[in-house]
Amino acid sequence: MAWSLSAERSVYLQLIDILKQKILSGEYQPGERLPSVRELAADAEVNPNTMQRALTELERIGFLYTQRTNGRFVSEDAARLSELRKDSLAARAREFLEDMKKSGLSAEESIELVQKVIAEMEKR
């Protein structure tokens, strides 16, 4: 996944979301050592302090852990990662449903729309 950052939202929050997605998608595997803060910051073209702040937050919520002198690693707690994956997907579902509501669709219409899209995807 590319480091696609926009000016519409805080860079710090975008970095957290991108790193979460890289972990949840398996790009970074459980137990895998992450590149250094400086390497990640250079790849994302952001200030190392901003990257450090994002990594610290990911550690606080359980995506990462630090081994002194060895660096940061992706959590190996499969149950915790599964819970975090579900939480992340639920947040995205809430955003989607809020968008549907703002667009004037009822809950039933939103469900019908989702079912239609699923049926189209299954035909492919």
Protein backbone atom coordinates (compact mmCIF):
# COMPACT_ATOMS: atom_id res chain seq x y z
CA MET A 1 0.00 0.00 0.00
CA ALA A 2 1.37 3.39 -1.00
CA TRP A 3 1.84 6.27 1.39
CA SER A 4 -0.94 8.36 -0.11
CA LEU A 5 -1.32 11.37 2.17
CA SER A 6 -3.73 14.23 1.65
CA ALA A 7 -3.93 17.75 3.01
CA GLU A 8 -7.53 17.21 4.12
CA ARG A 9 -6.66 15.38 7.34
CA SER A 10 -3.90 15.35 9.93
CA VAL A 11 -0.79 13.56 8.62
CA TYR A 12 -0.40 11.87 12.01
CA LEU A 13 -3.88 10.30 11.79
CA GLN A 14 -3.33 9.27 8.19
CA LEU A 15 -0.06 7.53 9.13
CA ILE A 16 -1.85 5.61 11.88
CA ASP A 17 -4.54 4.49 9.44
CA ILE A 18 -2.05 3.48 6.74
CA LEU A 19 0.13 1.53 9.17
CA LYS A 20 -2.95 -0.18 10.65
CA GLN A 21 -4.00 -1.21 7.16
CA LYS A 22 -0.51 -2.50 6.34
CA ILE A 23 -0.67 -4.66 9.48
CA LEU A 24 -4.26 -5.83 9.01
CA SER A 25 -3.69 -6.66 5.34
CA GLY A 26 -0.65 -8.77 6.21
CA GLU A 27 1.90 -6.52 4.53
CA TYR A 28 3.56 -6.47 7.95
CA GLN A 29 3.22 -9.92 9.52
CA PRO A 30 2.74 -10.68 13.24
CA GLY A 31 6.15 -10.67 14.91
CA GLU A 32 7.80 -8.89 11.98
CA ARG A 33 10.27 -6.13 12.78
CA LEU A 34 9.27 -2.81 11.28
CA PRO A 35 11.74 -0.60 9.44
CA SER A 36 13.26 2.15 11.58
CA VAL A 37 11.38 5.36 12.26
CA ARG A 38 13.71 7.20 9.90
CA GLU A 39 13.19 4.65 7.11
CA LEU A 40 9.41 4.74 7.49
CA ALA A 41 9.44 8.55 7.63
CA ALA A 42 11.60 8.74 4.50
CA ASP A 43 9.30 6.32 2.65
CA ALA A 44 6.23 8.34 3.66
CA GLU A 45 8.02 11.65 3.08
CA VAL A 46 7.12 12.93 6.55
CA ASN A 47 9.00 14.27 9.55
CA PRO A 48 10.46 11.45 11.69
CA ASN A 49 8.84 13.02 14.78
CA THR A 50 5.41 12.67 13.16
CA MET A 51 6.12 9.03 12.29
CA GLN A 52 7.39 8.40 15.84
CA ARG A 53 4.17 9.82 17.24
CA ALA A 54 2.07 7.55 14.99
CA LEU A 55 4.10 4.47 15.95
CA THR A 56 3.78 5.31 19.63
CA GLU A 57 0.00 5.48 19.27
CA LEU A 58 -0.08 2.14 17.43
CA GLU A 59 1.94 0.65 20.26
CA ARG A 60 -0.44 2.13 22.83
CA ILE A 61 -3.48 0.52 21.17
CA GLY A 62 -1.83 -2.87 20.73
CA PHE A 63 -0.76 -3.10 17.10
CA LEU A 64 2.96 -2.90 17.91
CA TYR A 65 5.41 -3.57 20.70
CA THR A 66 8.99 -2.46 21.29
CA GLN A 67 11.98 -4.58 22.22
CA ARG A 68 14.72 -2.47 23.69
CA THR A 69 17.59 -2.06 21.24
CA ASN A 70 15.87 -4.33 18.67
CA GLY A 71 13.16 -2.00 17.38
CA ARG A 72 9.42 -2.18 16.93
CA PHE A 73 7.53 -5.32 16.00
CA VAL A 74 4.00 -6.16 14.92
CA SER A 75 1.98 -7.70 17.74
CA GLU A 76 1.98 -11.49 17.78
CA ASP A 77 -1.28 -11.60 19.72
CA ALA A 78 -3.57 -13.11 17.05
CA ALA A 79 -6.70 -12.62 19.17
CA ARG A 80 -5.88 -8.95 19.73
CA LEU A 81 -5.13 -8.38 16.04
CA SER A 82 -8.41 -10.07 15.12
CA GLU A 83 -10.26 -7.80 17.57
CA LEU A 84 -8.48 -4.74 16.15
CA ARG A 85 -9.33 -5.86 12.59
CA LYS A 86 -13.02 -6.13 13.50
CA ASP A 87 -12.94 -2.74 15.26
CA SER A 88 -11.34 -1.17 12.19
CA LEU A 89 -13.90 -2.69 9.85
CA ALA A 90 -16.77 -1.66 12.14
CA ALA A 91 -15.50 1.94 12.09
CA ARG A 92 -15.40 1.88 8.28
CA ALA A 93 -18.92 0.41 8.19
CA ARG A 94 -20.16 3.19 10.49
CA GLU A 95 -18.60 5.82 8.21
CA PHE A 96 -20.24 4.20 5.17
CA LEU A 97 -23.65 4.07 6.86
CA GLU A 98 -23.34 7.69 7.99
CA ASP A 99 -22.60 8.65 4.36
CA MET A 100 -25.67 6.71 3.22
CA LYS A 101 -27.79 8.45 5.85
CA LYS A 102 -26.44 11.89 4.82
CA SER A 103 -27.31 10.99 1.23
CA GLY A 104 -30.91 10.47 2.25
CA LEU A 105 -31.01 6.67 2.17
CA SER A 106 -32.88 4.80 4.86
CA ALA A 107 -31.30 1.84 6.65
CA GLU A 108 -33.36 -0.51 4.48
CA GLU A 109 -32.28 1.24 1.27
CA SER A 110 -28.65 1.08 2.38
CA ILE A 111 -28.96 -2.65 3.04
CA GLU A 112 -30.56 -3.18 -0.38
CA LEU A 113 -27.74 -1.24 -2.02
CA VAL A 114 -25.09 -3.31 -0.23
CA GLN A 115 -26.86 -6.55 -1.18
CA LYS A 116 -26.99 -5.42 -4.81
CA VAL A 117 -23.27 -4.65 -4.84
CA ILE A 118 -22.46 -8.00 -3.20
CA ALA A 119 -24.54 -9.82 -5.82
CA GLU A 120 -22.67 -7.95 -8.60
CA MET A 121 -19.33 -8.82 -7.07
CA GLU A 122 -20.24 -12.50 -6.79
CA LYS A 123 -21.06 -12.59 -10.53
CA ARG A 124 -17.47 -11.62 -11.38
